[in-house]
């Protein structure tokens, strides 16, 4: 588990100018496979830690502004592969796969 900030993109367009504060946690491979993840061992839960209600959707891209992909030296990228769940106006739980080396 780690805290970071991400930039949110949909179809290559930034959806929010201010970065989102999030917490990234490992997802069990079995849960990722059940949710339809193509790469269960590179799947994570991303929890927003502020920002109120947001409209993240399946297929959106979250770019980590602090972590680097070691294969490309670009910022780490996460693709939303399942249905994000909003919990009141407090936080959102987002199932994502890390895009490694693409």
PDB file of N, CA and C in Angstrom:
ATOM      1  N   UNK A   1       0.848  -1.164   0.000  1.00  0.00           N
ATOM      2  CA  UNK A   1       0.000   0.000   0.000  1.00  0.00           C
ATOM      3  C   UNK A   1       0.896   1.230   0.000  1.00  0.00           C
ATOM      4  N   UNK A   2       0.528   2.182  -0.873  1.00  0.00           N
ATOM      5  CA  UNK A   2       1.281   3.441  -0.899  1.00  0.00           C
ATOM      6  C   UNK A   2       0.375   4.577  -1.317  1.00  0.00           C
ATOM      7  N   UNK A   3       0.717   5.752  -0.833  1.00  0.00           N
ATOM      8  CA  UNK A   3      -0.022   6.967  -1.173  1.00  0.00           C
ATOM      9  C   UNK A   3       0.708   7.702  -2.280  1.00  0.00           C
ATOM     10  N   UNK A   4      -0.050   8.252  -3.212  1.00  0.00           N
ATOM     11  CA  UNK A   4       0.532   8.972  -4.338  1.00  0.00           C
ATOM     12  C   UNK A   4      -0.519   9.916  -4.917  1.00  0.00           C
ATOM     13  N   UNK A   5      -0.197  10.541  -6.021  1.00  0.00           N
ATOM     14  CA  UNK A   5      -1.165  11.349  -6.758  1.00  0.00           C
ATOM     15  C   UNK A   5      -1.178  10.871  -8.201  1.00  0.00           C
ATOM     16  N   UNK A   6      -2.341  10.954  -8.835  1.00  0.00           N
ATOM     17  CA  UNK A   6      -2.477  10.502 -10.221  1.00  0.00           C
ATOM     18  C   UNK A   6      -3.159  11.582 -11.053  1.00  0.00           C
ATOM     19  N   UNK A   7      -2.866  11.535 -12.342  1.00  0.00           N
ATOM     20  CA  UNK A   7      -3.568  12.370 -13.317  1.00  0.00           C
ATOM     21  C   UNK A   7      -4.575  11.464 -14.009  1.00  0.00           C
ATOM     22  N   UNK A   8      -5.781  11.964 -14.225  1.00  0.00           N
ATOM     23  CA  UNK A   8      -6.884  11.173 -14.767  1.00  0.00           C
ATOM     24  C   UNK A   8      -7.124  11.563 -16.218  1.00  0.00           C
ATOM     25  N   UNK A   9      -7.050  10.573 -17.130  1.00  0.00           N
ATOM     26  CA  UNK A   9      -7.288  10.807 -18.554  1.00  0.00           C
ATOM     27  C   UNK A   9      -8.390   9.890 -19.077  1.00  0.00           C
ATOM     28  N   UNK A  10      -9.144  10.416 -20.027  1.00  0.00           N
ATOM     29  CA  UNK A  10     -10.134   9.624 -20.756  1.00  0.00           C
ATOM     30  C   UNK A  10      -9.930   9.907 -22.235  1.00  0.00           C
ATOM     31  N   UNK A  11      -9.631   8.885 -23.003  1.00  0.00           N
ATOM     32  CA  UNK A  11      -9.357   9.021 -24.437  1.00  0.00           C
ATOM     33  C   UNK A  11      -8.259  10.051 -24.700  1.00  0.00           C
ATOM     34  N   UNK A  12      -7.254  10.079 -23.834  1.00  0.00           N
ATOM     35  CA  UNK A  12      -6.120  10.969 -24.005  1.00  0.00           C
ATOM     36  C   UNK A  12      -6.341  12.402 -23.558  1.00  0.00           C
ATOM     37  N   UNK A  13      -7.515  12.698 -23.025  1.00  0.00           N
ATOM     38  CA  UNK A  13      -7.853  14.060 -22.588  1.00  0.00           C
ATOM     39  C   UNK A  13      -7.865  14.111 -21.058  1.00  0.00           C
ATOM     40  N   UNK A  14      -7.144  15.065 -20.491  1.00  0.00           N
ATOM     41  CA  UNK A  14      -7.122  15.233 -19.039  1.00  0.00           C
ATOM     42  C   UNK A  14      -8.519  15.607 -18.564  1.00  0.00           C
ATOM     43  N   UNK A  15      -9.032  14.887 -17.571  1.00  0.00           N
ATOM     44  CA  UNK A  15     -10.392  15.098 -17.082  1.00  0.00           C
ATOM     45  C   UNK A  15     -10.466  16.030 -15.885  1.00  0.00           C
ATOM     46  N   UNK A  16      -9.335  16.244 -15.242  1.00  0.00           N
ATOM     47  CA  UNK A  16      -9.307  17.095 -14.052  1.00  0.00           C
ATOM     48  C   UNK A  16      -7.928  17.723 -13.968  1.00  0.00           C
ATOM     49  N   UNK A  17      -7.878  19.029 -13.830  1.00  0.00           N
ATOM     50  CA  UNK A  17      -6.585  19.705 -13.839  1.00  0.00           C
ATOM     51  C   UNK A  17      -5.779  19.423 -12.577  1.00  0.00           C
ATOM     52  N   UNK A  18      -6.422  19.349 -11.428  1.00  0.00           N
ATOM     53  CA  UNK A  18      -5.717  19.057 -10.181  1.00  0.00           C
ATOM     54  C   UNK A  18      -5.500  17.542 -10.057  1.00  0.00           C
ATOM     55  N   UNK A  19      -4.320  17.099  -9.642  1.00  0.00           N
ATOM     56  CA  UNK A  19      -4.094  15.665  -9.458  1.00  0.00           C
ATOM     57  C   UNK A  19      -4.993  15.100  -8.351  1.00  0.00           C
ATOM     58  N   UNK A  20      -5.331  13.825  -8.485  1.00  0.00           N
ATOM     59  CA  UNK A  20      -6.129  13.129  -7.479  1.00  0.00           C
ATOM     60  C   UNK A  20      -5.208  12.468  -6.471  1.00  0.00           C
ATOM     61  N   UNK A  21      -5.484  12.649  -5.190  1.00  0.00           N
ATOM     62  CA  UNK A  21      -4.751  11.940  -4.143  1.00  0.00           C
ATOM     63  C   UNK A  21      -5.362  10.547  -4.025  1.00  0.00           C
ATOM     64  N   UNK A  22      -4.514   9.521  -4.088  1.00  0.00           N
ATOM     65  CA  UNK A  22      -4.998   8.139  -4.057  1.00  0.00           C
ATOM     66  C   UNK A  22      -4.099   7.272  -3.180  1.00  0.00           C
ATOM     67  N   UNK A  23      -4.611   6.097  -2.893  1.00  0.00           N
ATOM     68  CA  UNK A  23      -3.853   5.049  -2.219  1.00  0.00           C
ATOM     69  C   UNK A  23      -3.933   3.819  -3.111  1.00  0.00           C
ATOM     70  N   UNK A  24      -2.786   3.216  -3.409  1.00  0.00           N
ATOM     71  CA  UNK A  24      -2.733   2.045  -4.292  1.00  0.00           C
ATOM     72  C   UNK A  24      -2.440   0.814  -3.454  1.00  0.00           C
ATOM     73  N   UNK A  25      -3.291  -0.218  -3.597  1.00  0.00           N
ATOM     74  CA  UNK A  25      -3.139  -1.461  -2.851  1.00  0.00           C
ATOM     75  C   UNK A  25      -3.154  -2.639  -3.818  1.00  0.00           C
ATOM     76  N   UNK A  26      -2.402  -3.680  -3.490  1.00  0.00           N
ATOM     77  CA  UNK A  26      -2.410  -4.900  -4.304  1.00  0.00           C
ATOM     78  C   UNK A  26      -3.789  -5.534  -4.283  1.00  0.00           C
ATOM     79  N   UNK A  27      -4.145  -6.153  -5.400  1.00  0.00           N
ATOM     80  CA  UNK A  27      -5.398  -6.888  -5.510  1.00  0.00           C
ATOM     81  C   UNK A  27      -5.047  -8.376  -5.617  1.00  0.00           C
ATOM     82  N   UNK A  28      -5.781  -9.217  -4.945  1.00  0.00           N
ATOM     83  CA  UNK A  28      -5.566 -10.657  -5.045  1.00  0.00           C
ATOM     84  C   UNK A  28      -5.795 -11.100  -6.491  1.00  0.00           C
ATOM     85  N   UNK A  29      -4.919 -11.969  -7.005  1.00  0.00           N
ATOM     86  CA  UNK A  29      -5.010 -12.381  -8.405  1.00  0.00           C
ATOM     87  C   UNK A  29      -6.358 -13.030  -8.720  1.00  0.00           C
ATOM     88  N   UNK A  30      -6.921 -13.757  -7.774  1.00  0.00           N
ATOM     89  CA  UNK A  30      -8.198 -14.440  -7.995  1.00  0.00           C
ATOM     90  C   UNK A  30      -9.326 -13.426  -8.181  1.00  0.00           C
ATOM     91  N   UNK A  31      -9.334 -12.373  -7.364  1.00  0.00           N
ATOM     92  CA  UNK A  31     -10.348 -11.325  -7.500  1.00  0.00           C
ATOM     93  C   UNK A  31     -10.182 -10.622  -8.843  1.00  0.00           C
ATOM     94  N   UNK A  32      -8.939 -10.324  -9.225  1.00  0.00           N
ATOM     95  CA  UNK A  32      -8.686  -9.668 -10.513  1.00  0.00           C
ATOM     96  C   UNK A  32      -9.185 -10.531 -11.669  1.00  0.00           C
ATOM     97  N   UNK A  33      -8.929 -11.830 -11.611  1.00  0.00           N
ATOM     98  CA  UNK A  33      -9.386 -12.732 -12.665  1.00  0.00           C
ATOM     99  C   UNK A  33     -10.918 -12.784 -12.709  1.00  0.00           C
ATOM    100  N   UNK A  34     -11.559 -12.824 -11.540  1.00  0.00           N
ATOM    101  CA  UNK A  34     -13.020 -12.851 -11.478  1.00  0.00           C
ATOM    102  C   UNK A  34     -13.637 -11.568 -12.025  1.00  0.00           C
ATOM    103  N   UNK A  35     -12.944 -10.440 -11.843  1.00  0.00           N
ATOM    104  CA  UNK A  35     -13.446  -9.160 -12.349  1.00  0.00           C
ATOM    105  C   UNK A  35     -13.180  -8.970 -13.843  1.00  0.00           C
ATOM    106  N   UNK A  36     -12.398  -9.877 -14.448  1.00  0.00           N
ATOM    107  CA  UNK A  36     -12.137  -9.787 -15.878  1.00  0.00           C
ATOM    108  C   UNK A  36     -10.825  -9.138 -16.240  1.00  0.00           C
ATOM    109  N   UNK A  37      -9.921  -9.032 -15.279  1.00  0.00           N
ATOM    110  CA  UNK A  37      -8.619  -8.437 -15.555  1.00  0.00           C
ATOM    111  C   UNK A  37      -7.787  -9.307 -16.479  1.00  0.00           C
ATOM    112  N   UNK A  38      -7.119  -8.709 -17.443  1.00  0.00           N
ATOM    113  CA  UNK A  38      -6.297  -9.463 -18.378  1.00  0.00           C
ATOM    114  C   UNK A  38      -4.960  -9.850 -17.775  1.00  0.00           C
ATOM    115  N   UNK A  39      -4.524  -9.108 -16.782  1.00  0.00           N
ATOM    116  CA  UNK A  39      -3.242  -9.365 -16.140  1.00  0.00           C
ATOM    117  C   UNK A  39      -3.442  -9.385 -14.630  1.00  0.00           C
ATOM    118  N   UNK A  40      -3.944 -10.497 -14.078  1.00  0.00           N
ATOM    119  CA  UNK A  40      -4.320 -10.536 -12.662  1.00  0.00           C
ATOM    120  C   UNK A  40      -3.173 -10.243 -11.700  1.00  0.00           C
ATOM    121  N   UNK A  41      -1.937 -10.561 -12.096  1.00  0.00           N
ATOM    122  CA  UNK A  41      -0.817 -10.337 -11.186  1.00  0.00           C
ATOM    123  C   UNK A  41      -0.337  -8.889 -11.193  1.00  0.00           C
ATOM    124  N   UNK A  42      -0.843  -8.073 -12.108  1.00  0.00           N
ATOM    125  CA  UNK A  42      -0.513  -6.651 -12.166  1.00  0.00           C
ATOM    126  C   UNK A  42      -1.739  -5.795 -11.881  1.00  0.00           C
ATOM    127  N   UNK A  43      -2.653  -6.323 -11.051  1.00  0.00           N
ATOM    128  CA  UNK A  43      -3.901  -5.624 -10.753  1.00  0.00           C
ATOM    129  C   UNK A  43      -3.862  -5.011  -9.360  1.00  0.00           C
ATOM    130  N   UNK A  44      -4.506  -3.859  -9.240  1.00  0.00           N
ATOM    131  CA  UNK A  44      -4.474  -3.098  -8.001  1.00  0.00           C
ATOM    132  C   UNK A  44      -5.834  -2.475  -7.722  1.00  0.00           C
ATOM    133  N   UNK A  45      -6.098  -2.209  -6.442  1.00  0.00           N
ATOM    134  CA  UNK A  45      -7.210  -1.357  -6.050  1.00  0.00           C
ATOM    135  C   UNK A  45      -6.638   0.034  -5.869  1.00  0.00           C
ATOM    136  N   UNK A  46      -7.264   1.023  -6.472  1.00  0.00           N
ATOM    137  CA  UNK A  46      -6.865   2.407  -6.261  1.00  0.00           C
ATOM    138  C   UNK A  46      -8.033   3.091  -5.560  1.00  0.00           C
ATOM    139  N   UNK A  47      -7.752   3.631  -4.385  1.00  0.00           N
ATOM    140  CA  UNK A  47      -8.748   4.328  -3.579  1.00  0.00           C
ATOM    141  C   UNK A  47      -8.463   5.818  -3.618  1.00  0.00           C
ATOM    142  N   UNK A  48      -9.465   6.621  -3.944  1.00  0.00           N
ATOM    143  CA  UNK A  48      -9.283   8.064  -3.844  1.00  0.00           C
ATOM    144  C   UNK A  48      -9.298   8.423  -2.364  1.00  0.00           C
ATOM    145  N   UNK A  49      -8.502   9.409  -1.993  1.00  0.00           N
ATOM    146  CA  UNK A  49      -8.447   9.821  -0.585  1.00  0.00           C
ATOM    147  C   UNK A  49      -8.911  11.258  -0.419  1.00  0.00           C
ATOM    148  N   UNK A  50      -9.678  11.719  -1.345  1.00  0.00           N
ATOM    149  CA  UNK A  50     -10.216  13.072  -1.305  1.00  0.00           C
ATOM    150  C   UNK A  50     -10.711  13.451  -2.682  1.00  0.00           C
ATOM    151  N   UNK A  51     -11.306  14.586  -2.810  1.00  0.00           N
ATOM    152  CA  UNK A  51     -11.757  15.033  -4.130  1.00  0.00           C
ATOM    153  C   UNK A  51     -13.232  14.884  -4.358  1.00  0.00           C
ATOM    154  N   UNK A  52     -13.950  14.306  -3.384  1.00  0.00           N
ATOM    155  CA  UNK A  52     -15.401  14.193  -3.508  1.00  0.00           C
ATOM    156  C   UNK A  52     -15.829  13.180  -4.554  1.00  0.00           C
ATOM    157  N   UNK A  53     -16.979  13.406  -5.148  1.00  0.00           N
ATOM    158  CA  UNK A  53     -17.541  12.494  -6.143  1.00  0.00           C
ATOM    159  C   UNK A  53     -16.896  12.780  -7.496  1.00  0.00           C
ATOM    160  N   UNK A  54     -16.340  11.742  -8.110  1.00  0.00           N
ATOM    161  CA  UNK A  54     -15.743  11.868  -9.430  1.00  0.00           C
ATOM    162  C   UNK A  54     -16.327  10.798 -10.337  1.00  0.00           C
ATOM    163  N   UNK A  55     -16.190  10.967 -11.637  1.00  0.00           N
ATOM    164  CA  UNK A  55     -16.854  10.085 -12.608  1.00  0.00           C
ATOM    165  C   UNK A  55     -15.859   9.227 -13.377  1.00  0.00           C
ATOM    166  N   UNK A  56     -14.970   8.562 -12.676  1.00  0.00           N
ATOM    167  CA  UNK A  56     -14.029   7.659 -13.345  1.00  0.00           C
ATOM    168  C   UNK A  56     -14.804   6.470 -13.896  1.00  0.00           C
ATOM    169  N   UNK A  57     -14.452   6.063 -15.127  1.00  0.00           N
ATOM    170  CA  UNK A  57     -15.157   4.971 -15.802  1.00  0.00           C
ATOM    171  C   UNK A  57     -14.182   3.901 -16.266  1.00  0.00           C
ATOM    172  N   UNK A  58     -14.745   2.755 -16.612  1.00  0.00           N
ATOM    173  CA  UNK A  58     -13.960   1.665 -17.203  1.00  0.00           C
ATOM    174  C   UNK A  58     -13.252   2.187 -18.448  1.00  0.00           C
ATOM    175  N   UNK A  59     -11.967   1.876 -18.575  1.00  0.00           N
ATOM    176  CA  UNK A  59     -11.194   2.296 -19.732  1.00  0.00           C
ATOM    177  C   UNK A  59     -10.386   3.567 -19.501  1.00  0.00           C
ATOM    178  N   UNK A  60     -10.679   4.306 -18.427  1.00  0.00           N
ATOM    179  CA  UNK A  60      -9.914   5.514 -18.136  1.00  0.00           C
ATOM    180  C   UNK A  60      -8.480   5.143 -17.756  1.00  0.00           C
ATOM    181  N   UNK A  61      -7.589   6.110 -17.865  1.00  0.00           N
ATOM    182  CA  UNK A  61      -6.176   5.914 -17.563  1.00  0.00           C
ATOM    183  C   UNK A  61      -5.800   6.800 -16.385  1.00  0.00           C
ATOM    184  N   UNK A  62      -5.114   6.223 -15.403  1.00  0.00           N
ATOM    185  CA  UNK A  62      -4.601   6.967 -14.265  1.00  0.00           C
ATOM    186  C   UNK A  62      -3.088   6.918 -14.330  1.00  0.00           C
ATOM    187  N   UNK A  63      -2.448   8.075 -14.370  1.00  0.00           N
ATOM    188  CA  UNK A  63      -0.992   8.154 -14.487  1.00  0.00           C
ATOM    189  C   UNK A  63      -0.428   8.573 -13.144  1.00  0.00           C
ATOM    190  N   UNK A  64       0.411   7.712 -12.575  1.00  0.00           N
ATOM    191  CA  UNK A  64       1.042   7.972 -11.281  1.00  0.00           C
ATOM    192  C   UNK A  64       2.092   9.064 -11.448  1.00  0.00           C
ATOM    193  N   UNK A  65       1.978  10.116 -10.695  1.00  0.00           N
ATOM    194  CA  UNK A  65       2.887  11.249 -10.832  1.00  0.00           C
ATOM    195  C   UNK A  65       4.164  11.096 -10.005  1.00  0.00           C
ATOM    196  N   UNK A  66       4.299   9.971  -9.276  1.00  0.00           N
ATOM    197  CA  UNK A  66       5.475   9.785  -8.437  1.00  0.00           C
ATOM    198  C   UNK A  66       6.252   8.511  -8.748  1.00  0.00           C
ATOM    199  N   UNK A  67       5.609   7.487  -9.301  1.00  0.00           N
ATOM    200  CA  UNK A  67       6.278   6.212  -9.581  1.00  0.00           C
ATOM    201  C   UNK A  67       6.664   6.135 -11.060  1.00  0.00           C
ATOM    202  N   UNK A  68       7.735   5.412 -11.335  1.00  0.00           N
ATOM    203  CA  UNK A  68       8.257   5.265 -12.696  1.00  0.00           C
ATOM    204  C   UNK A  68       8.189   3.789 -13.104  1.00  0.00           C
ATOM    205  N   UNK A  69       7.764   3.533 -14.344  1.00  0.00           N
ATOM    206  CA  UNK A  69       7.802   2.187 -14.918  1.00  0.00           C
ATOM    207  C   UNK A  69       9.267   1.881 -15.240  1.00  0.00           C
ATOM    208  N   UNK A  70       9.855   0.848 -14.636  1.00  0.00           N
ATOM    209  CA  UNK A  70      11.286   0.583 -14.849  1.00  0.00           C
ATOM    210  C   UNK A  70      11.650   0.166 -16.272  1.00  0.00           C
ATOM    211  N   UNK A  71      10.691  -0.336 -17.047  1.00  0.00           N
ATOM    212  CA  UNK A  71      10.994  -0.765 -18.416  1.00  0.00           C
ATOM    213  C   UNK A  71      11.017   0.393 -19.409  1.00  0.00           C
ATOM    214  N   UNK A  72      10.230   1.427 -19.150  1.00  0.00           N
ATOM    215  CA  UNK A  72      10.129   2.527 -20.106  1.00  0.00           C
ATOM    216  C   UNK A  72      10.678   3.851 -19.568  1.00  0.00           C
ATOM    217  N   UNK A  73      10.869   3.946 -18.270  1.00  0.00           N
ATOM    218  CA  UNK A  73      11.240   5.176 -17.548  1.00  0.00           C
ATOM    219  C   UNK A  73      10.178   6.270 -17.686  1.00  0.00           C
ATOM    220  N   UNK A  74       8.967   5.910 -18.062  1.00  0.00           N
ATOM    221  CA  UNK A  74       7.826   6.823 -18.076  1.00  0.00           C
ATOM    222  C   UNK A  74       7.092   6.686 -16.750  1.00  0.00           C
ATOM    223  N   UNK A  75       6.211   7.627 -16.422  1.00  0.00           N
ATOM    224  CA  UNK A  75       5.398   7.459 -15.210  1.00  0.00           C
ATOM    225  C   UNK A  75       4.552   6.178 -15.300  1.00  0.00           C
ATOM    226  N   UNK A  76       4.354   5.533 -14.159  1.00  0.00           N
ATOM    227  CA  UNK A  76       3.531   4.312 -14.111  1.00  0.00           C
ATOM    228  C   UNK A  76       2.106   4.654 -14.526  1.00  0.00           C
ATOM    229  N   UNK A  77       1.483   3.748 -15.300  1.00  0.00           N
ATOM    230  CA  UNK A  77       0.131   3.976 -15.816  1.00  0.00           C
ATOM    231  C   UNK A  77      -0.771   2.824 -15.406  1.00  0.00           C
ATOM    232  N   UNK A  78      -1.990   3.163 -15.068  1.00  0.00           N
ATOM    233  CA  UNK A  78      -2.987   2.181 -14.634  1.00  0.00           C
ATOM    234  C   UNK A  78      -4.260   2.360 -15.457  1.00  0.00           C
ATOM    235  N   UNK A  79      -4.760   1.266 -16.032  1.00  0.00           N
ATOM    236  CA  UNK A  79      -5.998   1.283 -16.823  1.00  0.00           C
ATOM    237  C   UNK A  79      -7.129   0.713 -15.964  1.00  0.00           C
ATOM    238  N   UNK A  80      -8.249   1.438 -15.889  1.00  0.00           N
ATOM    239  CA  UNK A  80      -9.419   0.967 -15.141  1.00  0.00           C
ATOM    240  C   UNK A  80     -10.053  -0.167 -15.932  1.00  0.00           C
ATOM    241  N   UNK A  81     -10.171  -1.355 -15.320  1.00  0.00           N
ATOM    242  CA  UNK A  81     -10.720  -2.492 -16.058  1.00  0.00           C
ATOM    243  C   UNK A  81     -12.056  -2.970 -15.525  1.00  0.00           C
ATOM    244  N   UNK A  82     -12.486  -2.484 -14.417  1.00  0.00           N
ATOM    245  CA  UNK A  82     -13.769  -2.903 -13.852  1.00  0.00           C
ATOM    246  C   UNK A  82     -14.617  -1.697 -13.525  1.00  0.00           C
ATOM    247  N   UNK A  83     -15.678  -1.961 -12.818  1.00  0.00           N
ATOM    248  CA  UNK A  83     -16.612  -0.892 -12.465  1.00  0.00           C
ATOM    249  C   UNK A  83     -16.171  -0.211 -11.166  1.00  0.00           C
ATOM    250  N   UNK A  84     -15.799   1.065 -11.216  1.00  0.00           N
ATOM    251  CA  UNK A  84     -15.450   1.789  -9.995  1.00  0.00           C
ATOM    252  C   UNK A  84     -16.676   1.950  -9.093  1.00  0.00           C
ATOM    253  N   UNK A  85     -16.457   1.913  -7.792  1.00  0.00           N
ATOM    254  CA  UNK A  85     -17.541   2.062  -6.829  1.00  0.00           C
ATOM    255  C   UNK A  85     -17.329   3.319  -6.002  1.00  0.00           C
ATOM    256  N   UNK A  86     -18.340   4.187  -5.959  1.00  0.00           N
ATOM    257  CA  UNK A  86     -18.287   5.416  -5.167  1.00  0.00           C
ATOM    258  C   UNK A  86     -18.909   5.129  -3.805  1.00  0.00           C
ATOM    259  N   UNK A  87     -18.208   5.449  -2.743  1.00  0.00           N
ATOM    260  CA  UNK A  87     -18.715   5.282  -1.386  1.00  0.00           C
ATOM    261  C   UNK A  87     -19.038   6.655  -0.816  1.00  0.00           C
ATOM    262  N   UNK A  88     -20.332   6.996  -0.885  1.00  0.00           N
ATOM    263  CA  UNK A  88     -20.823   8.295  -0.456  1.00  0.00           C
ATOM    264  C   UNK A  88     -20.005   9.379  -1.158  1.00  0.00           C
ATOM    265  N   UNK A  89     -19.684  10.465  -0.504  1.00  0.00           N
ATOM    266  CA  UNK A  89     -18.845  11.497  -1.112  1.00  0.00           C
ATOM    267  C   UNK A  89     -17.430  11.408  -0.556  1.00  0.00           C
ATOM    268  N   UNK A  90     -17.125  10.269   0.065  1.00  0.00           N
ATOM    269  CA  UNK A  90     -15.861  10.133   0.780  1.00  0.00           C
ATOM    270  C   UNK A  90     -14.736   9.602  -0.095  1.00  0.00           C
ATOM    271  N   UNK A  91     -14.936   8.450  -0.731  1.00  0.00           N
ATOM    272  CA  UNK A  91     -13.877   7.865  -1.553  1.00  0.00           C
ATOM    273  C   UNK A  91     -14.463   6.968  -2.629  1.00  0.00           C
ATOM    274  N   UNK A  92     -13.611   6.599  -3.587  1.00  0.00           N
ATOM    275  CA  UNK A  92     -13.983   5.703  -4.672  1.00  0.00           C
ATOM    276  C   UNK A  92     -12.987   4.551  -4.695  1.00  0.00           C
ATOM    277  N   UNK A  93     -13.471   3.336  -4.935  1.00  0.00           N
ATOM    278  CA  UNK A  93     -12.611   2.159  -5.089  1.00  0.00           C
ATOM    279  C   UNK A  93     -12.583   1.790  -6.568  1.00  0.00           C
ATOM    280  N   UNK A  94     -11.362   1.769  -7.151  1.00  0.00           N
ATOM    281  CA  UNK A  94     -11.214   1.610  -8.589  1.00  0.00           C
ATOM    282  C   UNK A  94     -10.334   0.400  -8.884  1.00  0.00           C
ATOM    283  N   UNK A  95     -10.829  -0.606  -9.625  1.00  0.00           N
ATOM    284  CA  UNK A  95      -9.990  -1.736 -10.016  1.00  0.00           C
ATOM    285  C   UNK A  95      -9.170  -1.368 -11.252  1.00  0.00           C
ATOM    286  N   UNK A  96      -7.838  -1.511 -11.159  1.00  0.00           N
ATOM    287  CA  UNK A  96      -6.947  -1.101 -12.243  1.00  0.00           C
ATOM    288  C   UNK A  96      -5.875  -2.144 -12.504  1.00  0.00           C
ATOM    289  N   UNK A  97      -5.373  -2.135 -13.735  1.00  0.00           N
ATOM    290  CA  UNK A  97      -4.223  -2.946 -14.114  1.00  0.00           C
ATOM    291  C   UNK A  97      -3.074  -2.014 -14.464  1.00  0.00           C
ATOM    292  N   UNK A  98      -1.901  -2.331 -13.977  1.00  0.00           N
ATOM    293  CA  UNK A  98      -0.741  -1.544 -14.334  1.00  0.00           C
ATOM    294  C   UNK A  98      -0.298  -1.925 -15.743  1.00  0.00           C
ATOM    295  N   UNK A  99      -0.089  -0.930 -16.590  1.00  0.00           N
ATOM    296  CA  UNK A  99       0.394  -1.149 -17.964  1.00  0.00           C
ATOM    297  C   UNK A  99       1.913  -1.100 -17.911  1.00  0.00           C
ATOM    298  N   UNK A 100       2.543  -2.252 -18.036  1.00  0.00           N
ATOM    299  CA  UNK A 100       3.991  -2.340 -17.885  1.00  0.00           C
ATOM    300  C   UNK A 100       4.653  -2.433 -19.255  1.00  0.00           C
ATOM    301  N   UNK A 101       5.569  -1.525 -19.501  1.00  0.00           N
ATOM    302  CA  UNK A 101       6.384  -1.578 -20.715  1.00  0.00           C
ATOM    303  C   UNK A 101       5.683  -1.238 -22.010  1.00  0.00           C
ATOM    304  N   UNK A 102       4.520  -0.640 -21.955  1.00  0.00           N
ATOM    305  CA  UNK A 102       3.807  -0.275 -23.194  1.00  0.00           C
ATOM    306  C   UNK A 102       4.008   1.175 -23.518  1.00  0.00           C
TER     307      UNK A 102
END
